[in-house]
Amino acid sequence: MFKTLMPSTLAATLLATILSFPVLADEASVKNAIETKFNVKVTSITKTPYLGLYEIYADGQILYADDKASTVIIGTLIDGKTMKNYTAERMQKLTAVKFSELPLELAVKQVRGDGKRVLASFEDPNCGYCKKLARDAAKLNNITIYTFLLPILSTDSLEKSNQIWCSPDQAKAWNDWMQDGKAPTAKGDCDTSAVQKTIELGNKLAITGTPTLFFTDGERIPGAVPLTQIEKKLEHALNSKAAMR
């Protein structure tokens, strides 16, 4: 995976690494050069509207290269006219998922009110930000929440995930622990293949941190976000779905 080279005080600065490659003619050649140099699998390559640069998406990260692949840029690309974060907008699209294809049967399900608004999250039971999210999510109404147990922080995370999954009331066990600190009491000796499958799914979706949220329009939001932003996004996704009918 590529290392982030952005200095924190210059978010719009692009750092260039000069590579020794022969003159290249097309996207396929640029793709091959990047895969060879960095030993990664390029998922997509697209020409940007900026300086003739190609956008390369690999290992869950965006980088840019000229048509000769003689210069590779790792960092954030800002549109100087609109001041929009072009990289962030593209990353949002590239990491989107088809919500209907998520294996929701692997998740802990909670329904409140009419349940029309839908949210899926990947969370570690020992993640502090996830606990804050759980407390905030308790304030959401008319929602269905699918929580995928993704134990990536420690062996204790795996143990707690298995215990929660094996609990008679999974949602209660999850909320008791995440909101109130009451440890799950189930032994965790039932069929916990769902937890293992979630770990595999997390790898497939290149989820590297928790919480990671997915909305019904496919958008992914990594990390802790304010409740107001979640509410806004839920309404937008619901309205978008209604408009498509």
C-alpha atoms as a PDB file:
ATOM      1  CA  MET A   1       0.000   0.000   0.000  1.00  0.00           C
ATOM      2  CA  PHE A   2       1.233   3.505  -0.765  1.00  0.00           C
ATOM      3  CA  LYS A   3       2.345   5.707   2.077  1.00  0.00           C
ATOM      4  CA  THR A   4       0.704   9.100   2.543  1.00  0.00           C
ATOM      5  CA  LEU A   5       3.281  11.759   1.785  1.00  0.00           C
ATOM      6  CA  MET A   6       1.129  14.856   2.285  1.00  0.00           C
ATOM      7  CA  PRO A   7       2.466  17.455   4.769  1.00  0.00           C
ATOM      8  CA  SER A   8      -0.355  18.326   7.168  1.00  0.00           C
ATOM      9  CA  THR A   9       0.072  22.087   6.690  1.00  0.00           C
ATOM     10  CA  LEU A  10      -0.097  22.037   2.892  1.00  0.00           C
ATOM     11  CA  ALA A  11      -3.103  19.916   1.998  1.00  0.00           C
ATOM     12  CA  ALA A  12      -3.005  21.036  -1.632  1.00  0.00           C
ATOM     13  CA  THR A  13       0.681  20.370  -2.221  1.00  0.00           C
ATOM     14  CA  LEU A  14       1.514  17.490  -4.541  1.00  0.00           C
ATOM     15  CA  LEU A  15       4.713  15.532  -4.013  1.00  0.00           C
ATOM     16  CA  ALA A  16       6.319  14.154  -7.165  1.00  0.00           C
ATOM     17  CA  THR A  17       8.503  11.073  -7.469  1.00  0.00           C
ATOM     18  CA  ILE A  18      10.502  10.910 -10.686  1.00  0.00           C
ATOM     19  CA  LEU A  19      10.613   7.430 -12.194  1.00  0.00           C
ATOM     20  CA  SER A  20      12.748   6.011 -14.953  1.00  0.00           C
ATOM     21  CA  PHE A  21      10.336   4.690 -17.581  1.00  0.00           C
ATOM     22  CA  PRO A  22      10.451   4.772 -21.373  1.00  0.00           C
ATOM     23  CA  VAL A  23       7.993   6.874 -23.374  1.00  0.00           C
ATOM     24  CA  LEU A  24       4.516   5.371 -23.130  1.00  0.00           C
ATOM     25  CA  ALA A  25       1.596   5.741 -25.499  1.00  0.00           C
ATOM     26  CA  ASP A  26      -1.652   4.804 -23.770  1.00  0.00           C
ATOM     27  CA  GLU A  27      -3.467   3.967 -20.532  1.00  0.00           C
ATOM     28  CA  ALA A  28      -2.485   0.300 -20.733  1.00  0.00           C
ATOM     29  CA  SER A  29       1.201   1.209 -20.829  1.00  0.00           C
ATOM     30  CA  VAL A  30       0.852   3.624 -17.901  1.00  0.00           C
ATOM     31  CA  LYS A  31      -1.045   0.958 -15.963  1.00  0.00           C
ATOM     32  CA  ASN A  32       1.636  -1.636 -16.656  1.00  0.00           C
ATOM     33  CA  ALA A  33       4.391   0.754 -15.614  1.00  0.00           C
ATOM     34  CA  ILE A  34       2.730   1.583 -12.314  1.00  0.00           C
ATOM     35  CA  GLU A  35       2.028  -2.060 -11.508  1.00  0.00           C
ATOM     36  CA  THR A  36       5.626  -2.981 -12.281  1.00  0.00           C
ATOM     37  CA  LYS A  37       7.210  -0.138 -10.324  1.00  0.00           C
ATOM     38  CA  PHE A  38       5.034  -0.358  -7.215  1.00  0.00           C
ATOM     39  CA  ASN A  39       4.104  -4.056  -7.352  1.00  0.00           C
ATOM     40  CA  VAL A  40       0.381  -3.272  -7.019  1.00  0.00           C
ATOM     41  CA  LYS A  41      -2.786  -4.153  -8.879  1.00  0.00           C
ATOM     42  CA  VAL A  42      -4.290  -1.132 -10.634  1.00  0.00           C
ATOM     43  CA  THR A  43      -8.080  -1.265 -10.329  1.00  0.00           C
ATOM     44  CA  SER A  44      -8.801   1.626 -12.677  1.00  0.00           C
ATOM     45  CA  ILE A  45      -7.022   4.263 -14.725  1.00  0.00           C
ATOM     46  CA  THR A  46      -8.671   7.424 -16.075  1.00  0.00           C
ATOM     47  CA  LYS A  47      -7.361  10.563 -17.722  1.00  0.00           C
ATOM     48  CA  THR A  48      -8.086  13.642 -15.614  1.00  0.00           C
ATOM     49  CA  PRO A  49      -8.940  17.126 -16.919  1.00  0.00           C
ATOM     50  CA  TYR A  50      -5.769  18.449 -15.286  1.00  0.00           C
ATOM     51  CA  LEU A  51      -2.406  18.830 -17.038  1.00  0.00           C
ATOM     52  CA  GLY A  52      -2.894  15.614 -18.984  1.00  0.00           C
ATOM     53  CA  LEU A  53      -2.482  13.558 -15.817  1.00  0.00           C
ATOM     54  CA  TYR A  54      -3.819  10.034 -15.475  1.00  0.00           C
ATOM     55  CA  GLU A  55      -5.660   9.028 -12.328  1.00  0.00           C
ATOM     56  CA  ILE A  56      -4.580   5.595 -11.105  1.00  0.00           C
ATOM     57  CA  TYR A  57      -6.578   3.796  -8.414  1.00  0.00           C
ATOM     58  CA  ALA A  58      -4.678   0.979  -6.711  1.00  0.00           C
ATOM     59  CA  ASP A  59      -4.614  -0.587  -3.262  1.00  0.00           C
ATOM     60  CA  GLY A  60      -7.397   1.742  -2.135  1.00  0.00           C
ATOM     61  CA  GLN A  61      -5.440   4.892  -2.976  1.00  0.00           C
ATOM     62  CA  ILE A  62      -5.379   7.400  -5.809  1.00  0.00           C
ATOM     63  CA  LEU A  63      -2.186   8.578  -7.442  1.00  0.00           C
ATOM     64  CA  TYR A  64      -1.465  10.494 -10.637  1.00  0.00           C
ATOM     65  CA  ALA A  65       1.014  10.066 -13.479  1.00  0.00           C
ATOM     66  CA  ASP A  66       1.871  11.786 -16.747  1.00  0.00           C
ATOM     67  CA  ASP A  67       1.465   9.951 -20.057  1.00  0.00           C
ATOM     68  CA  LYS A  68       5.099   8.806 -19.926  1.00  0.00           C
ATOM     69  CA  ALA A  69       4.836   7.614 -16.323  1.00  0.00           C
ATOM     70  CA  SER A  70       8.024   9.593 -15.768  1.00  0.00           C
ATOM     71  CA  THR A  71       6.396  11.489 -12.910  1.00  0.00           C
ATOM     72  CA  VAL A  72       4.117   9.965 -10.300  1.00  0.00           C
ATOM     73  CA  ILE A  73       2.243  12.146  -7.827  1.00  0.00           C
ATOM     74  CA  ILE A  74       0.921  10.830  -4.531  1.00  0.00           C
ATOM     75  CA  GLY A  75      -1.332  13.317  -2.803  1.00  0.00           C
ATOM     76  CA  THR A  76      -4.425  15.481  -3.057  1.00  0.00           C
ATOM     77  CA  LEU A  77      -5.403  17.259  -6.256  1.00  0.00           C
ATOM     78  CA  ILE A  78      -7.260  20.547  -5.763  1.00  0.00           C
ATOM     79  CA  ASP A  79      -9.109  22.383  -8.537  1.00  0.00           C
ATOM     80  CA  GLY A  80      -7.558  25.855  -8.427  1.00  0.00           C
ATOM     81  CA  LYS A  81     -10.651  27.549  -9.868  1.00  0.00           C
ATOM     82  CA  THR A  82     -13.380  25.973  -7.757  1.00  0.00           C
ATOM     83  CA  MET A  83     -11.142  24.969  -4.835  1.00  0.00           C
ATOM     84  CA  LYS A  84     -12.902  21.604  -4.795  1.00  0.00           C
ATOM     85  CA  ASN A  85     -10.995  18.568  -3.608  1.00  0.00           C
ATOM     86  CA  TYR A  86     -10.957  16.585  -6.851  1.00  0.00           C
ATOM     87  CA  THR A  87      -9.242  13.597  -5.252  1.00  0.00           C
ATOM     88  CA  ALA A  88     -11.799  13.351  -2.441  1.00  0.00           C
ATOM     89  CA  GLU A  89     -14.705  13.506  -4.902  1.00  0.00           C
ATOM     90  CA  ARG A  90     -13.181  10.795  -7.069  1.00  0.00           C
ATOM     91  CA  MET A  91     -12.354   8.622  -4.058  1.00  0.00           C
ATOM     92  CA  GLN A  92     -15.985   8.859  -2.984  1.00  0.00           C
ATOM     93  CA  LYS A  93     -17.090   7.487  -6.351  1.00  0.00           C
ATOM     94  CA  LEU A  94     -14.371   4.853  -6.627  1.00  0.00           C
ATOM     95  CA  THR A  95     -15.073   3.390  -3.184  1.00  0.00           C
ATOM     96  CA  ALA A  96     -18.857   3.344  -3.545  1.00  0.00           C
ATOM     97  CA  VAL A  97     -20.593  -0.024  -3.363  1.00  0.00           C
ATOM     98  CA  LYS A  98     -23.849  -1.465  -4.647  1.00  0.00           C
ATOM     99  CA  PHE A  99     -25.737  -1.543  -1.376  1.00  0.00           C
ATOM    100  CA  SER A 100     -28.074  -4.313  -2.540  1.00  0.00           C
ATOM    101  CA  GLU A 101     -25.054  -6.597  -2.900  1.00  0.00           C
ATOM    102  CA  LEU A 102     -23.923  -6.277   0.719  1.00  0.00           C
ATOM    103  CA  PRO A 103     -24.501  -9.612   2.524  1.00  0.00           C
ATOM    104  CA  LEU A 104     -26.778  -8.101   5.173  1.00  0.00           C
ATOM    105  CA  GLU A 105     -27.392 -11.513   6.716  1.00  0.00           C
ATOM    106  CA  LEU A 106     -23.883 -11.221   8.193  1.00  0.00           C
ATOM    107  CA  ALA A 107     -24.798  -8.086  10.139  1.00  0.00           C
ATOM    108  CA  VAL A 108     -26.488  -7.361  13.455  1.00  0.00           C
ATOM    109  CA  LYS A 109     -29.826  -5.784  12.524  1.00  0.00           C
ATOM    110  CA  GLN A 110     -31.697  -3.069  14.408  1.00  0.00           C
ATOM    111  CA  VAL A 111     -34.987  -1.483  13.309  1.00  0.00           C
ATOM    112  CA  ARG A 112     -36.543   1.622  14.826  1.00  0.00           C
ATOM    113  CA  GLY A 113     -39.792   3.232  13.793  1.00  0.00           C
ATOM    114  CA  ASP A 114     -40.713   2.625  10.168  1.00  0.00           C
ATOM    115  CA  GLY A 115     -37.122   1.589   9.370  1.00  0.00           C
ATOM    116  CA  LYS A 116     -37.222   3.327   5.984  1.00  0.00           C
ATOM    117  CA  ARG A 117     -33.847   4.989   6.340  1.00  0.00           C
ATOM    118  CA  VAL A 118     -31.057   2.422   6.061  1.00  0.00           C
ATOM    119  CA  LEU A 119     -27.448   2.468   7.174  1.00  0.00           C
ATOM    120  CA  ALA A 120     -24.733  -0.187   7.200  1.00  0.00           C
ATOM    121  CA  SER A 121     -21.587   0.095   9.279  1.00  0.00           C
ATOM    122  CA  PHE A 122     -18.436  -1.934   9.814  1.00  0.00           C
ATOM    123  CA  GLU A 123     -17.315  -1.662  13.429  1.00  0.00           C
ATOM    124  CA  ASP A 124     -14.856  -3.123  15.920  1.00  0.00           C
ATOM    125  CA  PRO A 125     -16.286  -3.656  19.425  1.00  0.00           C
ATOM    126  CA  ASN A 126     -13.144  -2.123  20.967  1.00  0.00           C
ATOM    127  CA  CYS A 127     -13.119   0.942  18.714  1.00  0.00           C
ATOM    128  CA  GLY A 128     -13.633   4.159  20.679  1.00  0.00           C
ATOM    129  CA  TYR A 129     -15.023   6.021  17.669  1.00  0.00           C
ATOM    130  CA  CYS A 130     -17.435   3.145  17.083  1.00  0.00           C
ATOM    131  CA  LYS A 131     -18.697   3.467  20.658  1.00  0.00           C
ATOM    132  CA  LYS A 132     -19.335   7.155  20.090  1.00  0.00           C
ATOM    133  CA  LEU A 133     -21.149   6.284  16.866  1.00  0.00           C
ATOM    134  CA  ALA A 134     -23.276   3.729  18.734  1.00  0.00           C
ATOM    135  CA  ARG A 135     -24.294   6.352  21.296  1.00  0.00           C
ATOM    136  CA  ASP A 136     -25.119   8.828  18.521  1.00  0.00           C
ATOM    137  CA  ALA A 137     -26.971   6.206  16.478  1.00  0.00           C
ATOM    138  CA  ALA A 138     -29.250   5.562  19.466  1.00  0.00           C
ATOM    139  CA  LYS A 139     -30.752   9.005  18.741  1.00  0.00           C
ATOM    140  CA  LEU A 140     -31.718   8.090  15.167  1.00  0.00           C
ATOM    141  CA  ASN A 141     -35.378   7.354  14.464  1.00  0.00           C
ATOM    142  CA  ASN A 142     -37.149   5.559  11.606  1.00  0.00           C
ATOM    143  CA  ILE A 143     -34.028   3.673  10.669  1.00  0.00           C
ATOM    144  CA  THR A 144     -32.690   0.206   9.984  1.00  0.00           C
ATOM    145  CA  ILE A 145     -29.067  -0.262  11.006  1.00  0.00           C
ATOM    146  CA  TYR A 146     -26.935  -3.178   9.847  1.00  0.00           C
ATOM    147  CA  THR A 147     -23.786  -3.504  11.934  1.00  0.00           C
ATOM    148  CA  PHE A 148     -21.056  -5.730  10.525  1.00  0.00           C
ATOM    149  CA  LEU A 149     -18.756  -6.975  13.288  1.00  0.00           C
ATOM    150  CA  LEU A 150     -15.228  -6.315  12.031  1.00  0.00           C
ATOM    151  CA  PRO A 151     -12.669  -7.255  14.720  1.00  0.00           C
ATOM    152  CA  ILE A 152      -9.432  -5.727  13.461  1.00  0.00           C
ATOM    153  CA  LEU A 153      -7.939  -4.168  16.590  1.00  0.00           C
ATOM    154  CA  SER A 154      -7.111  -7.130  18.830  1.00  0.00           C
ATOM    155  CA  THR A 155      -7.799 -10.759  19.704  1.00  0.00           C
ATOM    156  CA  ASP A 156     -10.210  -9.468  22.346  1.00  0.00           C
ATOM    157  CA  SER A 157     -12.139  -7.750  19.537  1.00  0.00           C
ATOM    158  CA  LEU A 158     -12.611 -11.128  17.883  1.00  0.00           C
ATOM    159  CA  GLU A 159     -13.703 -12.724  21.144  1.00  0.00           C
ATOM    160  CA  LYS A 160     -16.243  -9.988  21.845  1.00  0.00           C
ATOM    161  CA  SER A 161     -17.524 -10.087  18.264  1.00  0.00           C
ATOM    162  CA  ASN A 162     -18.122 -13.835  18.577  1.00  0.00           C
ATOM    163  CA  GLN A 163     -19.860 -13.373  21.928  1.00  0.00           C
ATOM    164  CA  ILE A 164     -22.138 -10.668  20.537  1.00  0.00           C
ATOM    165  CA  TRP A 165     -22.952 -12.759  17.477  1.00  0.00           C
ATOM    166  CA  CYS A 166     -23.814 -15.751  19.674  1.00  0.00           C
ATOM    167  CA  SER A 167     -26.044 -13.710  22.001  1.00  0.00           C
ATOM    168  CA  PRO A 168     -29.798 -14.495  22.002  1.00  0.00           C
ATOM    169  CA  ASP A 169     -30.447 -10.811  21.288  1.00  0.00           C
ATOM    170  CA  GLN A 170     -27.514  -9.607  19.180  1.00  0.00           C
ATOM    171  CA  ALA A 171     -28.654  -5.978  18.968  1.00  0.00           C
ATOM    172  CA  LYS A 172     -29.087  -5.738  22.745  1.00  0.00           C
ATOM    173  CA  ALA A 173     -25.703  -7.335  23.397  1.00  0.00           C
ATOM    174  CA  TRP A 174     -24.093  -4.893  20.948  1.00  0.00           C
ATOM    175  CA  ASN A 175     -25.780  -1.819  22.438  1.00  0.00           C
ATOM    176  CA  ASP A 176     -25.165  -2.916  26.021  1.00  0.00           C
ATOM    177  CA  TRP A 177     -21.459  -3.147  25.321  1.00  0.00           C
ATOM    178  CA  MET A 178     -20.992  -0.185  22.977  1.00  0.00           C
ATOM    179  CA  GLN A 179     -23.254   2.256  24.790  1.00  0.00           C
ATOM    180  CA  ASP A 180     -23.098   1.157  28.439  1.00  0.00           C
ATOM    181  CA  GLY A 181     -19.923  -0.906  28.724  1.00  0.00           C
ATOM    182  CA  LYS A 182     -21.770  -4.075  29.779  1.00  0.00           C
ATOM    183  CA  ALA A 183     -19.684  -6.949  28.451  1.00  0.00           C
ATOM    184  CA  PRO A 184     -21.454  -9.695  26.471  1.00  0.00           C
ATOM    185  CA  THR A 185     -22.063 -12.866  28.466  1.00  0.00           C
ATOM    186  CA  ALA A 186     -22.550 -15.404  25.680  1.00  0.00           C
ATOM    187  CA  LYS A 187     -19.785 -17.980  25.307  1.00  0.00           C
ATOM    188  CA  GLY A 188     -19.129 -17.265  21.646  1.00  0.00           C
ATOM    189  CA  ASP A 189     -19.210 -20.974  20.822  1.00  0.00           C
ATOM    190  CA  CYS A 190     -22.014 -20.898  18.231  1.00  0.00           C
ATOM    191  CA  ASP A 191     -21.486 -20.768  14.464  1.00  0.00           C
ATOM    192  CA  THR A 192     -19.390 -17.609  14.130  1.00  0.00           C
ATOM    193  CA  SER A 193     -18.595 -17.996  10.446  1.00  0.00           C
ATOM    194  CA  ALA A 194     -20.461 -14.731   9.845  1.00  0.00           C
ATOM    195  CA  VAL A 195     -17.712 -12.867  11.714  1.00  0.00           C
ATOM    196  CA  GLN A 196     -14.990 -14.515   9.645  1.00  0.00           C
ATOM    197  CA  LYS A 197     -16.894 -13.769   6.453  1.00  0.00           C
ATOM    198  CA  THR A 198     -17.168 -10.142   7.545  1.00  0.00           C
ATOM    199  CA  ILE A 199     -13.403  -9.985   7.988  1.00  0.00           C
ATOM    200  CA  GLU A 200     -12.997 -11.327   4.453  1.00  0.00           C
ATOM    201  CA  LEU A 201     -15.568  -8.841   3.181  1.00  0.00           C
ATOM    202  CA  GLY A 202     -13.746  -6.001   4.906  1.00  0.00           C
ATOM    203  CA  ASN A 203     -10.560  -6.981   3.095  1.00  0.00           C
ATOM    204  CA  LYS A 204     -12.415  -7.193  -0.215  1.00  0.00           C
ATOM    205  CA  LEU A 205     -13.871  -3.715   0.288  1.00  0.00           C
ATOM    206  CA  ALA A 206     -10.468  -2.355   1.401  1.00  0.00           C
ATOM    207  CA  ILE A 207     -11.831  -1.256   4.773  1.00  0.00           C
ATOM    208  CA  THR A 208      -8.790  -0.319   6.832  1.00  0.00           C
ATOM    209  CA  GLY A 209     -10.430   1.455   9.760  1.00  0.00           C
ATOM    210  CA  THR A 210     -13.577   1.496  11.840  1.00  0.00           C
ATOM    211  CA  PRO A 211     -16.197   2.743  11.786  1.00  0.00           C
ATOM    212  CA  THR A 212     -16.853   2.739   8.038  1.00  0.00           C
ATOM    213  CA  LEU A 213     -20.374   3.672   6.974  1.00  0.00           C
ATOM    214  CA  PHE A 214     -22.272   2.765   3.819  1.00  0.00           C
ATOM    215  CA  PHE A 215     -25.496   4.418   2.669  1.00  0.00           C
ATOM    216  CA  THR A 216     -28.125   3.052   0.285  1.00  0.00           C
ATOM    217  CA  ASP A 217     -26.865   5.220  -2.585  1.00  0.00           C
ATOM    218  CA  GLY A 218     -23.561   3.361  -2.288  1.00  0.00           C
ATOM    219  CA  GLU A 219     -21.551   6.148  -0.712  1.00  0.00           C
ATOM    220  CA  ARG A 220     -18.882   5.169   1.788  1.00  0.00           C
ATOM    221  CA  ILE A 221     -17.848   7.435   4.663  1.00  0.00           C
ATOM    222  CA  PRO A 222     -14.834   6.263   6.681  1.00  0.00           C
ATOM    223  CA  GLY A 223     -14.259   7.355  10.250  1.00  0.00           C
ATOM    224  CA  ALA A 224     -16.348   9.091  12.869  1.00  0.00           C
ATOM    225  CA  VAL A 225     -18.755  11.707  11.509  1.00  0.00           C
ATOM    226  CA  PRO A 226     -21.162  14.051  13.323  1.00  0.00           C
ATOM    227  CA  LEU A 227     -24.725  12.880  13.840  1.00  0.00           C
ATOM    228  CA  THR A 228     -25.994  15.864  11.830  1.00  0.00           C
ATOM    229  CA  GLN A 229     -24.001  14.682   8.816  1.00  0.00           C
ATOM    230  CA  ILE A 230     -25.382  11.165   9.167  1.00  0.00           C
ATOM    231  CA  GLU A 231     -28.932  12.516   9.359  1.00  0.00           C
ATOM    232  CA  LYS A 232     -28.377  14.666   6.287  1.00  0.00           C
ATOM    233  CA  LYS A 233     -26.908  11.777   4.344  1.00  0.00           C
ATOM    234  CA  LEU A 234     -29.717   9.399   5.358  1.00  0.00           C
ATOM    235  CA  GLU A 235     -32.350  11.850   4.131  1.00  0.00           C
ATOM    236  CA  HIS A 236     -30.476  12.442   0.880  1.00  0.00           C
ATOM    237  CA  ALA A 237     -30.174   8.710   0.222  1.00  0.00           C
ATOM    238  CA  LEU A 238     -33.861   8.165   1.041  1.00  0.00           C
ATOM    239  CA  ASN A 239     -34.976  10.989  -1.255  1.00  0.00           C
ATOM    240  CA  SER A 240     -32.695   9.748  -4.040  1.00  0.00           C
ATOM    241  CA  LYS A 241     -34.230   6.297  -3.774  1.00  0.00           C
ATOM    242  CA  ALA A 242     -37.756   7.745  -3.879  1.00  0.00           C
ATOM    243  CA  ALA A 243     -36.909   9.861  -6.931  1.00  0.00           C
ATOM    244  CA  MET A 244     -35.788   6.747  -8.829  1.00  0.00           C
ATOM    245  CA  ARG A 245     -39.149   5.003  -8.423  1.00  0.00           C
END
